């Protein structure tokens, strides 16, 4: 029982880490795209690119600090975060696009911000079991933890 609890705690921690990078990129992308009057597709594309950029960056930085060369740190981040970020981005953008008027609401609208917060919360809930499954198989954020234990 304790092992399952520890696995769940690790999955929640990994998902919070992922959510941080995704939220930075997602919010920044939605704000830029909305402020510039871009189409939903262009705004979502920018949000996804920025979510991956910030998500990977938050993993690469501490791995680099542990003395790992840049190329290897990038490979660790790709292995650790790609599935988690992808799931989170699919879910939060689908939710955002699915809420009537959310994308068109504008930056001063409570609908825009509430929808964005809700979409990220739903993405978190959906991604925790994905990360739990990955970690239980030595994948996802387990790669980062395994890597740190060897350095």
Protein backbone atom coordinates (compact mmCIF):
# COMPACT_ATOMS: atom_id res chain seq x y z
CA UNK A 1 0.00 0.00 0.00
CA UNK A 2 2.79 2.42 0.92
CA UNK A 3 4.52 1.78 -2.43
CA UNK A 4 1.33 2.72 -4.32
CA UNK A 5 1.00 5.87 -2.21
CA UNK A 6 4.62 6.84 -2.91
CA UNK A 7 4.11 6.21 -6.63
CA UNK A 8 1.03 8.42 -6.62
CA UNK A 9 2.89 11.17 -4.74
CA UNK A 10 5.71 10.99 -7.28
CA UNK A 11 3.20 11.16 -10.14
CA UNK A 12 1.48 14.19 -8.60
CA UNK A 13 4.88 15.88 -8.13
CA UNK A 14 5.90 15.10 -11.72
CA UNK A 15 2.56 16.39 -13.01
CA UNK A 16 2.84 19.60 -10.99
CA UNK A 17 6.31 20.07 -12.51
CA UNK A 18 4.85 19.50 -15.97
CA UNK A 19 1.89 21.77 -15.22
CA UNK A 20 4.25 24.60 -14.28
CA UNK A 21 6.03 24.59 -17.64
CA UNK A 22 2.83 23.94 -19.57
CA UNK A 23 0.96 26.71 -17.75
CA UNK A 24 3.71 29.26 -18.40
CA UNK A 25 3.73 28.42 -22.10
CA UNK A 26 -0.02 27.95 -22.42
CA UNK A 27 -0.91 31.22 -20.70
CA UNK A 28 1.78 33.16 -22.57
CA UNK A 29 0.68 31.68 -25.91
CA UNK A 30 -3.02 32.31 -25.25
CA UNK A 31 -2.31 35.88 -24.13
CA UNK A 32 -0.09 36.68 -27.13
CA UNK A 33 -2.41 35.04 -29.67
CA UNK A 34 -5.53 36.62 -28.19
CA UNK A 35 -3.94 40.07 -27.86
CA UNK A 36 -2.80 39.96 -31.48
CA UNK A 37 -6.19 38.75 -32.70
CA UNK A 38 -4.76 35.53 -34.11
CA UNK A 39 -6.96 32.62 -35.20
CA UNK A 40 -7.68 29.84 -32.72
CA UNK A 41 -5.34 27.53 -34.62
CA UNK A 42 -2.41 29.93 -34.57
CA UNK A 43 -2.99 30.77 -30.90
CA UNK A 44 -3.16 27.09 -29.92
CA UNK A 45 -0.04 26.30 -31.99
CA UNK A 46 1.93 29.07 -30.25
CA UNK A 47 0.68 27.88 -26.85
CA UNK A 48 1.78 24.32 -27.57
CA UNK A 49 5.24 25.37 -28.79
CA UNK A 50 5.75 27.56 -25.72
CA UNK A 51 4.43 24.86 -23.35
CA UNK A 52 6.96 22.36 -24.69
CA UNK A 53 9.74 24.97 -24.58
CA UNK A 54 9.09 25.95 -20.95
CA UNK A 55 8.32 22.37 -19.88
CA UNK A 56 11.60 21.06 -21.28
CA UNK A 57 13.50 24.09 -19.96
CA UNK A 58 12.34 23.44 -16.40
CA UNK A 59 13.73 19.91 -16.63
CA UNK A 60 16.95 20.72 -18.48
CA UNK A 61 18.07 23.43 -16.05
CA UNK A 62 18.51 21.27 -12.92
CA UNK A 63 19.98 18.41 -14.98
CA UNK A 64 22.59 20.82 -16.36
CA UNK A 65 23.31 22.03 -12.81
CA UNK A 66 24.10 18.45 -11.83
CA UNK A 67 26.98 18.55 -14.33
CA UNK A 68 25.39 16.74 -17.26
CA UNK A 69 26.42 17.98 -20.74
CA UNK A 70 23.77 19.95 -22.66
CA UNK A 71 23.05 17.28 -25.30
CA UNK A 72 22.52 14.61 -22.67
CA UNK A 73 20.36 16.97 -20.58
CA UNK A 74 18.15 17.58 -23.62
CA UNK A 75 17.77 13.81 -24.14
CA UNK A 76 16.83 13.37 -20.47
CA UNK A 77 14.20 16.13 -20.75
CA UNK A 78 12.77 14.65 -23.95
CA UNK A 79 12.51 11.22 -22.33
CA UNK A 80 11.09 12.59 -19.09
CA UNK A 81 8.54 15.10 -20.33
CA UNK A 82 7.35 14.49 -23.88
CA UNK A 83 4.37 12.23 -23.13
CA UNK A 84 3.32 14.24 -20.08
CA UNK A 85 3.44 17.58 -21.90
CA UNK A 86 1.70 16.13 -24.95
CA UNK A 87 -1.19 14.75 -22.89
CA UNK A 88 -1.49 17.97 -20.94
CA UNK A 89 -1.50 20.08 -24.10
CA UNK A 90 -4.06 17.90 -25.90
CA UNK A 91 -6.40 18.04 -22.91
CA UNK A 92 -6.07 21.70 -21.98
CA UNK A 93 -6.38 22.94 -25.55
CA UNK A 94 -9.34 20.64 -26.26
CA UNK A 95 -11.09 21.95 -23.14
CA UNK A 96 -10.27 25.55 -24.02
CA UNK A 97 -11.57 25.10 -27.58
CA UNK A 98 -14.62 23.24 -26.28
CA UNK A 99 -15.86 26.01 -24.01
CA UNK A 100 -18.14 28.19 -26.11
CA UNK A 101 -16.69 31.68 -26.54
CA UNK A 102 -13.59 31.11 -24.39
CA UNK A 103 -11.07 31.69 -27.16
CA UNK A 104 -12.87 34.77 -28.45
CA UNK A 105 -13.63 36.24 -25.02
CA UNK A 106 -10.56 38.49 -24.83
CA UNK A 107 -8.00 39.13 -22.15
CA UNK A 108 -10.26 41.28 -19.99
CA UNK A 109 -12.99 38.63 -19.80
CA UNK A 110 -13.54 36.39 -16.80
CA UNK A 111 -14.66 33.69 -19.29
CA UNK A 112 -11.21 33.62 -20.91
CA UNK A 113 -9.31 33.37 -17.63
CA UNK A 114 -11.74 30.98 -15.91
CA UNK A 115 -11.71 28.73 -18.98
CA UNK A 116 -7.92 28.75 -19.10
CA UNK A 117 -7.63 27.91 -15.40
CA UNK A 118 -10.28 25.18 -15.74
CA UNK A 119 -8.56 23.70 -18.80
CA UNK A 120 -5.25 23.45 -16.95
CA UNK A 121 -6.94 21.87 -13.91
CA UNK A 122 -8.62 19.24 -16.10
CA UNK A 123 -5.31 18.58 -17.86
CA UNK A 124 -3.63 18.06 -14.47
CA UNK A 125 -6.26 15.53 -13.35
CA UNK A 126 -6.01 13.60 -16.61
CA UNK A 127 -2.19 13.63 -16.68
CA UNK A 128 -1.55 12.36 -13.11
CA UNK A 129 -2.55 8.75 -13.94
CA UNK A 130 -0.56 8.92 -17.18
CA UNK A 131 2.54 9.98 -15.24
CA UNK A 132 1.84 7.35 -12.58
CA UNK A 133 1.74 4.66 -15.27
CA UNK A 134 4.94 5.96 -16.92
CA UNK A 135 6.85 6.20 -13.64
CA UNK A 136 5.75 2.69 -12.61
CA UNK A 137 7.43 1.44 -15.78
CA UNK A 138 10.65 3.43 -15.31
CA UNK A 139 9.63 6.04 -17.88
CA UNK A 140 8.63 9.71 -17.75
CA UNK A 141 9.95 11.55 -14.72
CA UNK A 142 11.47 8.34 -13.42
CA UNK A 143 14.18 8.99 -16.02
CA UNK A 144 15.08 12.27 -14.32
CA UNK A 145 15.07 10.74 -10.83
CA UNK A 146 17.08 7.75 -12.00
CA UNK A 147 19.51 10.09 -13.72
CA UNK A 148 20.04 12.18 -10.59
CA UNK A 149 20.69 9.08 -8.48
CA UNK A 150 23.58 8.18 -10.79
CA UNK A 151 25.30 11.57 -10.62
